[in-house]
Amino acid sequence: DNGKLVRQGYVPGHTDHVHVAAGPKTLSRLDGRAADFGLRVSSADRPGAVTSSGNTSFHAVGKARDYAGSAKQMAAFAQYVARLYGVQR
C-alpha cells in the first residue's frame, strides 16, 4: 500500500495476484522461484503504464511483477517473499 507494510488482509486491487516491487535482478530471480511455487507471471513490464494517481507505474519501469495462481500458491509465495526480505508479520 504505497510502500507501507500492510498488517493483514489485502491491498485493494491485489486480491488476484501477488504484487512484488523490486529491482530487475531481484524480480528475475523471483520469477524462477514463483515458477517453483506453481505461479505464473501475470504481468511484467507494461511500457507506459500509469497508476490511478497519475504516476508512472513500477511495472512501466521494470520494477514490479504480478504473480498469479491458486490462493494457496499465492499465500505460500507471499510468505516466502516476506520472510526472504524481512517483512514477515
PDB file of N, CA and C in Angstrom:
ATOM      1  N   ASP A   1       0.854  -1.188   0.000  1.00  0.00           N
ATOM      2  CA  ASP A   1       0.000   0.000   0.000  1.00  0.00           C
ATOM      3  C   ASP A   1       0.889   1.236   0.000  1.00  0.00           C
ATOM      4  N   ASN A   2       1.328   1.636  -1.167  1.00  0.00           N
ATOM      5  CA  ASN A   2       2.201   2.797  -1.320  1.00  0.00           C
ATOM      6  C   ASN A   2       3.443   2.700  -0.440  1.00  0.00           C
ATOM      7  N   GLY A   3       4.011   1.509  -0.356  1.00  0.00           N
ATOM      8  CA  GLY A   3       5.241   1.313   0.397  1.00  0.00           C
ATOM      9  C   GLY A   3       5.055   1.037   1.868  1.00  0.00           C
ATOM     10  N   LYS A   4       3.820   1.127   2.369  1.00  0.00           N
ATOM     11  CA  LYS A   4       3.570   0.861   3.784  1.00  0.00           C
ATOM     12  C   LYS A   4       3.320  -0.626   3.991  1.00  0.00           C
ATOM     13  N   LEU A   5       3.823  -1.152   5.090  1.00  0.00           N
ATOM     14  CA  LEU A   5       3.574  -2.545   5.435  1.00  0.00           C
ATOM     15  C   LEU A   5       2.089  -2.714   5.747  1.00  0.00           C
ATOM     16  N   VAL A   6       1.474  -3.689   5.133  1.00  0.00           N
ATOM     17  CA  VAL A   6       0.063  -3.972   5.372  1.00  0.00           C
ATOM     18  C   VAL A   6       0.001  -5.068   6.432  1.00  0.00           C
ATOM     19  N   ARG A   7      -0.613  -4.776   7.562  1.00  0.00           N
ATOM     20  CA  ARG A   7      -0.623  -5.724   8.681  1.00  0.00           C
ATOM     21  C   ARG A   7      -1.347  -7.012   8.362  1.00  0.00           C
ATOM     22  N   GLN A   8      -2.503  -6.944   7.780  1.00  0.00           N
ATOM     23  CA  GLN A   8      -3.235  -8.157   7.420  1.00  0.00           C
ATOM     24  C   GLN A   8      -4.228  -7.826   6.335  1.00  0.00           C
ATOM     25  N   GLY A   9      -4.684  -8.840   5.651  1.00  0.00           N
ATOM     26  CA  GLY A   9      -5.637  -8.626   4.579  1.00  0.00           C
ATOM     27  C   GLY A   9      -4.922  -8.346   3.267  1.00  0.00           C
ATOM     28  N   TYR A  10      -5.597  -7.629   2.397  1.00  0.00           N
ATOM     29  CA  TYR A  10      -5.087  -7.406   1.054  1.00  0.00           C
ATOM     30  C   TYR A  10      -5.063  -5.926   0.732  1.00  0.00           C
ATOM     31  N   VAL A  11      -4.127  -5.565  -0.115  1.00  0.00           N
ATOM     32  CA  VAL A  11      -4.108  -4.219  -0.658  1.00  0.00           C
ATOM     33  C   VAL A  11      -5.198  -4.172  -1.724  1.00  0.00           C
ATOM     34  N   PRO A  12      -6.036  -3.155  -1.735  1.00  0.00           N
ATOM     35  CA  PRO A  12      -7.093  -3.086  -2.749  1.00  0.00           C
ATOM     36  C   PRO A  12      -6.530  -3.264  -4.161  1.00  0.00           C
ATOM     37  N   GLY A  13      -7.223  -4.058  -4.967  1.00  0.00           N
ATOM     38  CA  GLY A  13      -6.796  -4.304  -6.334  1.00  0.00           C
ATOM     39  C   GLY A  13      -5.743  -5.380  -6.489  1.00  0.00           C
ATOM     40  N   HIS A  14      -5.360  -6.019  -5.386  1.00  0.00           N
ATOM     41  CA  HIS A  14      -4.315  -7.044  -5.442  1.00  0.00           C
ATOM     42  C   HIS A  14      -4.775  -8.375  -4.852  1.00  0.00           C
ATOM     43  N   THR A  15      -6.056  -8.694  -4.976  1.00  0.00           N
ATOM     44  CA  THR A  15      -6.548  -9.936  -4.397  1.00  0.00           C
ATOM     45  C   THR A  15      -6.373 -11.132  -5.319  1.00  0.00           C
ATOM     46  N   ASP A  16      -6.115 -10.884  -6.602  1.00  0.00           N
ATOM     47  CA  ASP A  16      -5.985 -11.996  -7.546  1.00  0.00           C
ATOM     48  C   ASP A  16      -4.547 -12.250  -7.966  1.00  0.00           C
ATOM     49  N   HIS A  17      -3.605 -11.599  -7.278  1.00  0.00           N
ATOM     50  CA  HIS A  17      -2.192 -11.795  -7.595  1.00  0.00           C
ATOM     51  C   HIS A  17      -1.330 -11.308  -6.437  1.00  0.00           C
ATOM     52  N   VAL A  18      -0.076 -11.724  -6.464  1.00  0.00           N
ATOM     53  CA  VAL A  18       0.918 -11.220  -5.520  1.00  0.00           C
ATOM     54  C   VAL A  18       1.729 -10.182  -6.284  1.00  0.00           C
ATOM     55  N   HIS A  19       1.725  -8.958  -5.796  1.00  0.00           N
ATOM     56  CA  HIS A  19       2.467  -7.872  -6.426  1.00  0.00           C
ATOM     57  C   HIS A  19       3.796  -7.716  -5.706  1.00  0.00           C
ATOM     58  N   VAL A  20       4.888  -7.711  -6.464  1.00  0.00           N
ATOM     59  CA  VAL A  20       6.212  -7.514  -5.886  1.00  0.00           C
ATOM     60  C   VAL A  20       6.879  -6.363  -6.619  1.00  0.00           C
ATOM     61  N   ALA A  21       7.329  -5.377  -5.858  1.00  0.00           N
ATOM     62  CA  ALA A  21       8.098  -4.261  -6.409  1.00  0.00           C
ATOM     63  C   ALA A  21       9.536  -4.423  -5.932  1.00  0.00           C
ATOM     64  N   ALA A  22      10.471  -4.463  -6.872  1.00  0.00           N
ATOM     65  CA  ALA A  22      11.886  -4.653  -6.550  1.00  0.00           C
ATOM     66  C   ALA A  22      12.705  -4.305  -7.785  1.00  0.00           C
ATOM     67  N   GLY A  23      14.003  -4.433  -7.655  1.00  0.00           N
ATOM     68  CA  GLY A  23      14.875  -4.186  -8.792  1.00  0.00           C
ATOM     69  C   GLY A  23      14.793  -5.309  -9.814  1.00  0.00           C
ATOM     70  N   PRO A  24      15.230  -5.028 -11.038  1.00  0.00           N
ATOM     71  CA  PRO A  24      15.128  -6.018 -12.120  1.00  0.00           C
ATOM     72  C   PRO A  24      15.834  -7.348 -11.835  1.00  0.00           C
ATOM     73  N   LYS A  25      17.004  -7.323 -11.202  1.00  0.00           N
ATOM     74  CA  LYS A  25      17.708  -8.577 -10.911  1.00  0.00           C
ATOM     75  C   LYS A  25      16.946  -9.404  -9.883  1.00  0.00           C
ATOM     76  N   THR A  26      16.421  -8.746  -8.872  1.00  0.00           N
ATOM     77  CA  THR A  26      15.632  -9.448  -7.857  1.00  0.00           C
ATOM     78  C   THR A  26      14.385 -10.050  -8.488  1.00  0.00           C
ATOM     79  N   LEU A  27      13.705  -9.269  -9.333  1.00  0.00           N
ATOM     80  CA  LEU A  27      12.497  -9.779  -9.980  1.00  0.00           C
ATOM     81  C   LEU A  27      12.807 -10.970 -10.870  1.00  0.00           C
ATOM     82  N   SER A  28      13.932 -10.928 -11.546  1.00  0.00           N
ATOM     83  CA  SER A  28      14.324 -12.057 -12.394  1.00  0.00           C
ATOM     84  C   SER A  28      14.492 -13.327 -11.561  1.00  0.00           C
ATOM     85  N   ARG A  29      15.143 -13.190 -10.400  1.00  0.00           N
ATOM     86  CA  ARG A  29      15.305 -14.350  -9.511  1.00  0.00           C
ATOM     87  C   ARG A  29      13.954 -14.820  -8.986  1.00  0.00           C
ATOM     88  N   LEU A  30      13.096 -13.874  -8.625  1.00  0.00           N
ATOM     89  CA  LEU A  30      11.782 -14.248  -8.090  1.00  0.00           C
ATOM     90  C   LEU A  30      10.897 -14.891  -9.144  1.00  0.00           C
ATOM     91  N   ASP A  31      11.094 -14.551 -10.416  1.00  0.00           N
ATOM     92  CA  ASP A  31      10.328 -15.211 -11.488  1.00  0.00           C
ATOM     93  C   ASP A  31      10.546 -16.719 -11.431  1.00  0.00           C
ATOM     94  N   GLY A  32      11.801 -17.121 -11.235  1.00  0.00           N
ATOM     95  CA  GLY A  32      12.119 -18.546 -11.141  1.00  0.00           C
ATOM     96  C   GLY A  32      11.531 -19.188  -9.903  1.00  0.00           C
ATOM     97  N   ARG A  33      11.621 -18.498  -8.783  1.00  0.00           N
ATOM     98  CA  ARG A  33      11.061 -19.032  -7.538  1.00  0.00           C
ATOM     99  C   ARG A  33       9.534 -19.126  -7.638  1.00  0.00           C
ATOM    100  N   ALA A  34       8.907 -18.134  -8.267  1.00  0.00           N
ATOM    101  CA  ALA A  34       7.456 -18.166  -8.424  1.00  0.00           C
ATOM    102  C   ALA A  34       7.035 -19.406  -9.209  1.00  0.00           C
ATOM    103  N   ALA A  35       7.813 -19.735 -10.226  1.00  0.00           N
ATOM    104  CA  ALA A  35       7.520 -20.944 -11.014  1.00  0.00           C
ATOM    105  C   ALA A  35       7.608 -22.182 -10.124  1.00  0.00           C
ATOM    106  N   ASP A  36       8.565 -22.198  -9.187  1.00  0.00           N
ATOM    107  CA  ASP A  36       8.694 -23.319  -8.256  1.00  0.00           C
ATOM    108  C   ASP A  36       7.445 -23.464  -7.382  1.00  0.00           C
ATOM    109  N   PHE A  37       6.772 -22.341  -7.117  1.00  0.00           N
ATOM    110  CA  PHE A  37       5.540 -22.350  -6.327  1.00  0.00           C
ATOM    111  C   PHE A  37       4.316 -22.645  -7.192  1.00  0.00           C
ATOM    112  N   GLY A  38       4.526 -22.816  -8.491  1.00  0.00           N
ATOM    113  CA  GLY A  38       3.432 -23.096  -9.408  1.00  0.00           C
ATOM    114  C   GLY A  38       2.718 -21.848  -9.902  1.00  0.00           C
ATOM    115  N   LEU A  39       3.341 -20.683  -9.704  1.00  0.00           N
ATOM    116  CA  LEU A  39       2.728 -19.428 -10.129  1.00  0.00           C
ATOM    117  C   LEU A  39       3.195 -19.040 -11.523  1.00  0.00           C
ATOM    118  N   ARG A  40       2.444 -18.165 -12.150  1.00  0.00           N
ATOM    119  CA  ARG A  40       2.847 -17.603 -13.432  1.00  0.00           C
ATOM    120  C   ARG A  40       3.000 -16.096 -13.268  1.00  0.00           C
ATOM    121  N   VAL A  41       3.826 -15.502 -14.094  1.00  0.00           N
ATOM    122  CA  VAL A  41       3.930 -14.048 -14.106  1.00  0.00           C
ATOM    123  C   VAL A  41       2.692 -13.556 -14.846  1.00  0.00           C
ATOM    124  N   SER A  42       1.790 -12.882 -14.139  1.00  0.00           N
ATOM    125  CA  SER A  42       0.562 -12.424 -14.773  1.00  0.00           C
ATOM    126  C   SER A  42       0.729 -11.053 -15.399  1.00  0.00           C
ATOM    127  N   SER A  43       1.750 -10.333 -14.980  1.00  0.00           N
ATOM    128  CA  SER A  43       2.108  -9.091 -15.657  1.00  0.00           C
ATOM    129  C   SER A  43       3.557  -8.792 -15.349  1.00  0.00           C
ATOM    130  N   ALA A  44       4.237  -8.360 -16.337  1.00  0.00           N
ATOM    131  CA  ALA A  44       5.628  -7.950 -16.160  1.00  0.00           C
ATOM    132  C   ALA A  44       5.693  -6.484 -16.567  1.00  0.00           C
ATOM    133  N   ASP A  45       6.701  -6.128 -17.311  1.00  0.00           N
ATOM    134  CA  ASP A  45       6.837  -4.734 -17.707  1.00  0.00           C
ATOM    135  C   ASP A  45       5.683  -4.311 -18.608  1.00  0.00           C
ATOM    136  N   ARG A  46       5.083  -3.208 -18.274  1.00  0.00           N
ATOM    137  CA  ARG A  46       3.986  -2.649 -19.066  1.00  0.00           C
ATOM    138  C   ARG A  46       4.399  -1.240 -19.489  1.00  0.00           C
ATOM    139  N   PRO A  47       5.087  -1.107 -20.612  1.00  0.00           N
ATOM    140  CA  PRO A  47       5.541   0.225 -21.033  1.00  0.00           C
ATOM    141  C   PRO A  47       4.391   1.229 -21.049  1.00  0.00           C
ATOM    142  N   GLY A  48       4.648   2.381 -20.458  1.00  0.00           N
ATOM    143  CA  GLY A  48       3.653   3.445 -20.450  1.00  0.00           C
ATOM    144  C   GLY A  48       2.585   3.323 -19.380  1.00  0.00           C
ATOM    145  N   ALA A  49       2.651   2.278 -18.553  1.00  0.00           N
ATOM    146  CA  ALA A  49       1.629   2.094 -17.520  1.00  0.00           C
ATOM    147  C   ALA A  49       1.657   3.264 -16.534  1.00  0.00           C
ATOM    148  N   VAL A  50       0.478   3.701 -16.149  1.00  0.00           N
ATOM    149  CA  VAL A  50       0.332   4.823 -15.223  1.00  0.00           C
ATOM    150  C   VAL A  50      -0.602   4.389 -14.106  1.00  0.00           C
ATOM    151  N   THR A  51      -0.281   4.798 -12.886  1.00  0.00           N
ATOM    152  CA  THR A  51      -1.124   4.460 -11.736  1.00  0.00           C
ATOM    153  C   THR A  51      -2.358   5.346 -11.720  1.00  0.00           C
ATOM    154  N   SER A  52      -3.306   5.022 -10.838  1.00  0.00           N
ATOM    155  CA  SER A  52      -4.531   5.819 -10.731  1.00  0.00           C
ATOM    156  C   SER A  52      -4.245   7.244 -10.275  1.00  0.00           C
ATOM    157  N   SER A  53      -3.109   7.453  -9.610  1.00  0.00           N
ATOM    158  CA  SER A  53      -2.750   8.802  -9.157  1.00  0.00           C
ATOM    159  C   SER A  53      -2.008   9.586 -10.238  1.00  0.00           C
ATOM    160  N   GLY A  54      -1.789   8.948 -11.401  1.00  0.00           N
ATOM    161  CA  GLY A  54      -1.121   9.638 -12.498  1.00  0.00           C
ATOM    162  C   GLY A  54       0.383   9.458 -12.536  1.00  0.00           C
ATOM    163  N   ASN A  55       0.931   8.706 -11.588  1.00  0.00           N
ATOM    164  CA  ASN A  55       2.372   8.452 -11.565  1.00  0.00           C
ATOM    165  C   ASN A  55       2.726   7.295 -12.483  1.00  0.00           C
ATOM    166  N   THR A  56       3.957   7.274 -12.950  1.00  0.00           N
ATOM    167  CA  THR A  56       4.416   6.155 -13.758  1.00  0.00           C
ATOM    168  C   THR A  56       4.429   4.905 -12.893  1.00  0.00           C
ATOM    169  N   SER A  57       3.846   3.840 -13.379  1.00  0.00           N
ATOM    170  CA  SER A  57       3.776   2.573 -12.658  1.00  0.00           C
ATOM    171  C   SER A  57       5.149   1.932 -12.542  1.00  0.00           C
ATOM    172  N   PHE A  58       5.404   1.238 -11.423  1.00  0.00           N
ATOM    173  CA  PHE A  58       6.639   0.463 -11.292  1.00  0.00           C
ATOM    174  C   PHE A  58       6.719  -0.588 -12.387  1.00  0.00           C
ATOM    175  N   HIS A  59       5.573  -1.077 -12.860  1.00  0.00           N
ATOM    176  CA  HIS A  59       5.572  -2.047 -13.954  1.00  0.00           C
ATOM    177  C   HIS A  59       6.172  -1.424 -15.218  1.00  0.00           C
ATOM    178  N   ALA A  60       5.900  -0.142 -15.437  1.00  0.00           N
ATOM    179  CA  ALA A  60       6.363   0.534 -16.652  1.00  0.00           C
ATOM    180  C   ALA A  60       7.870   0.695 -16.693  1.00  0.00           C
ATOM    181  N   VAL A  61       8.505   0.705 -15.536  1.00  0.00           N
ATOM    182  CA  VAL A  61       9.949   0.926 -15.482  1.00  0.00           C
ATOM    183  C   VAL A  61      10.713  -0.332 -15.057  1.00  0.00           C
ATOM    184  N   GLY A  62      10.059  -1.495 -15.164  1.00  0.00           N
ATOM    185  CA  GLY A  62      10.734  -2.757 -14.873  1.00  0.00           C
ATOM    186  C   GLY A  62      11.021  -3.018 -13.415  1.00  0.00           C
ATOM    187  N   LYS A  63      10.216  -2.427 -12.514  1.00  0.00           N
ATOM    188  CA  LYS A  63      10.452  -2.596 -11.082  1.00  0.00           C
ATOM    189  C   LYS A  63       9.285  -3.257 -10.357  1.00  0.00           C
ATOM    190  N   ALA A  64       8.441  -3.985 -11.095  1.00  0.00           N
ATOM    191  CA  ALA A  64       7.333  -4.683 -10.446  1.00  0.00           C
ATOM    192  C   ALA A  64       6.874  -5.860 -11.291  1.00  0.00           C
ATOM    193  N   ARG A  65       6.353  -6.862 -10.602  1.00  0.00           N
ATOM    194  CA  ARG A  65       5.759  -8.039 -11.238  1.00  0.00           C
ATOM    195  C   ARG A  65       4.512  -8.412 -10.459  1.00  0.00           C
ATOM    196  N   ASP A  66       3.590  -9.032 -11.159  1.00  0.00           N
ATOM    197  CA  ASP A  66       2.423  -9.642 -10.532  1.00  0.00           C
ATOM    198  C   ASP A  66       2.509 -11.140 -10.796  1.00  0.00           C
ATOM    199  N   TYR A  67       2.305 -11.936  -9.746  1.00  0.00           N
ATOM    200  CA  TYR A  67       2.363 -13.388  -9.843  1.00  0.00           C
ATOM    201  C   TYR A  67       0.986 -13.939  -9.486  1.00  0.00           C
ATOM    202  N   ALA A  68       0.467 -14.851 -10.298  1.00  0.00           N
ATOM    203  CA  ALA A  68      -0.877 -15.372 -10.071  1.00  0.00           C
ATOM    204  C   ALA A  68      -0.887 -16.893 -10.060  1.00  0.00           C
ATOM    205  N   GLY A  69      -1.855 -17.429  -9.345  1.00  0.00           N
ATOM    206  CA  GLY A  69      -2.060 -18.863  -9.230  1.00  0.00           C
ATOM    207  C   GLY A  69      -3.219 -19.084  -8.277  1.00  0.00           C
ATOM    208  N   SER A  70      -3.240 -20.246  -7.658  1.00  0.00           N
ATOM    209  CA  SER A  70      -4.303 -20.506  -6.679  1.00  0.00           C
ATOM    210  C   SER A  70      -4.050 -19.675  -5.421  1.00  0.00           C
ATOM    211  N   ALA A  71      -5.099 -19.519  -4.631  1.00  0.00           N
ATOM    212  CA  ALA A  71      -4.968 -18.758  -3.384  1.00  0.00           C
ATOM    213  C   ALA A  71      -3.893 -19.372  -2.489  1.00  0.00           C
ATOM    214  N   LYS A  72      -3.834 -20.690  -2.437  1.00  0.00           N
ATOM    215  CA  LYS A  72      -2.850 -21.378  -1.601  1.00  0.00           C
ATOM    216  C   LYS A  72      -1.432 -21.120  -2.117  1.00  0.00           C
ATOM    217  N   GLN A  73      -1.235 -21.196  -3.427  1.00  0.00           N
ATOM    218  CA  GLN A  73       0.085 -20.941  -4.006  1.00  0.00           C
ATOM    219  C   GLN A  73       0.520 -19.499  -3.760  1.00  0.00           C
ATOM    220  N   MET A  74      -0.402 -18.563  -3.959  1.00  0.00           N
ATOM    221  CA  MET A  74      -0.059 -17.151  -3.769  1.00  0.00           C
ATOM    222  C   MET A  74       0.252 -16.853  -2.312  1.00  0.00           C
ATOM    223  N   ALA A  75      -0.492 -17.448  -1.389  1.00  0.00           N
ATOM    224  CA  ALA A  75      -0.228 -17.232   0.035  1.00  0.00           C
ATOM    225  C   ALA A  75       1.153 -17.761   0.413  1.00  0.00           C
ATOM    226  N   ALA A  76       1.502 -18.938  -0.070  1.00  0.00           N
ATOM    227  CA  ALA A  76       2.814 -19.518   0.234  1.00  0.00           C
ATOM    228  C   ALA A  76       3.933 -18.657  -0.346  1.00  0.00           C
ATOM    229  N   PHE A  77       3.757 -18.175  -1.568  1.00  0.00           N
ATOM    230  CA  PHE A  77       4.778 -17.336  -2.195  1.00  0.00           C
ATOM    231  C   PHE A  77       4.906 -15.996  -1.475  1.00  0.00           C
ATOM    232  N   ALA A  78       3.782 -15.393  -1.116  1.00  0.00           N
ATOM    233  CA  ALA A  78       3.814 -14.122  -0.392  1.00  0.00           C
ATOM    234  C   ALA A  78       4.548 -14.273   0.937  1.00  0.00           C
ATOM    235  N   GLN A  79       4.310 -15.375   1.627  1.00  0.00           N
ATOM    236  CA  GLN A  79       5.009 -15.619   2.894  1.00  0.00           C
ATOM    237  C   GLN A  79       6.495 -15.827   2.657  1.00  0.00           C
ATOM    238  N   TYR A  80       6.857 -16.536   1.589  1.00  0.00           N
ATOM    239  CA  TYR A  80       8.264 -16.749   1.232  1.00  0.00           C
ATOM    240  C   TYR A  80       8.956 -15.404   0.985  1.00  0.00           C
ATOM    241  N   VAL A  81       8.333 -14.549   0.184  1.00  0.00           N
ATOM    242  CA  VAL A  81       8.927 -13.244  -0.134  1.00  0.00           C
ATOM    243  C   VAL A  81       9.053 -12.399   1.139  1.00  0.00           C
ATOM    244  N   ALA A  82       8.020 -12.422   1.985  1.00  0.00           N
ATOM    245  CA  ALA A  82       8.055 -11.662   3.234  1.00  0.00           C
ATOM    246  C   ALA A  82       9.196 -12.126   4.136  1.00  0.00           C
ATOM    247  N   ARG A  83       9.382 -13.437   4.248  1.00  0.00           N
ATOM    248  CA  ARG A  83      10.489 -13.959   5.071  1.00  0.00           C
ATOM    249  C   ARG A  83      11.836 -13.603   4.458  1.00  0.00           C
ATOM    250  N   LEU A  84      11.950 -13.763   3.154  1.00  0.00           N
ATOM    251  CA  LEU A  84      13.200 -13.509   2.434  1.00  0.00           C
ATOM    252  C   LEU A  84      13.663 -12.069   2.623  1.00  0.00           C
ATOM    253  N   TYR A  85      12.725 -11.141   2.610  1.00  0.00           N
ATOM    254  CA  TYR A  85      13.090  -9.724   2.675  1.00  0.00           C
ATOM    255  C   TYR A  85      12.772  -9.071   4.012  1.00  0.00           C
ATOM    256  N   GLY A  86      12.497  -9.878   5.031  1.00  0.00           N
ATOM    257  CA  GLY A  86      12.372  -9.364   6.388  1.00  0.00           C
ATOM    258  C   GLY A  86      11.140  -8.528   6.661  1.00  0.00           C
ATOM    259  N   VAL A  87      10.067  -8.804   5.954  1.00  0.00           N
ATOM    260  CA  VAL A  87       8.827  -8.067   6.215  1.00  0.00           C
ATOM    261  C   VAL A  87       7.732  -8.979   6.743  1.00  0.00           C
ATOM    262  N   GLN A  88       8.142 -10.120   7.280  1.00  0.00           N
ATOM    263  CA  GLN A  88       7.189 -11.071   7.850  1.00  0.00           C
ATOM    264  C   GLN A  88       6.443 -10.425   8.992  1.00  0.00           C
ATOM    265  N   ARG A  89       5.135 -10.640   9.024  1.00  0.00           N
ATOM    266  CA  ARG A  89       4.306 -10.092  10.120  1.00  0.00           C
ATOM    267  C   ARG A  89       4.561 -10.842  11.387  1.00  0.00           C
TER     268      ARG A  89
END
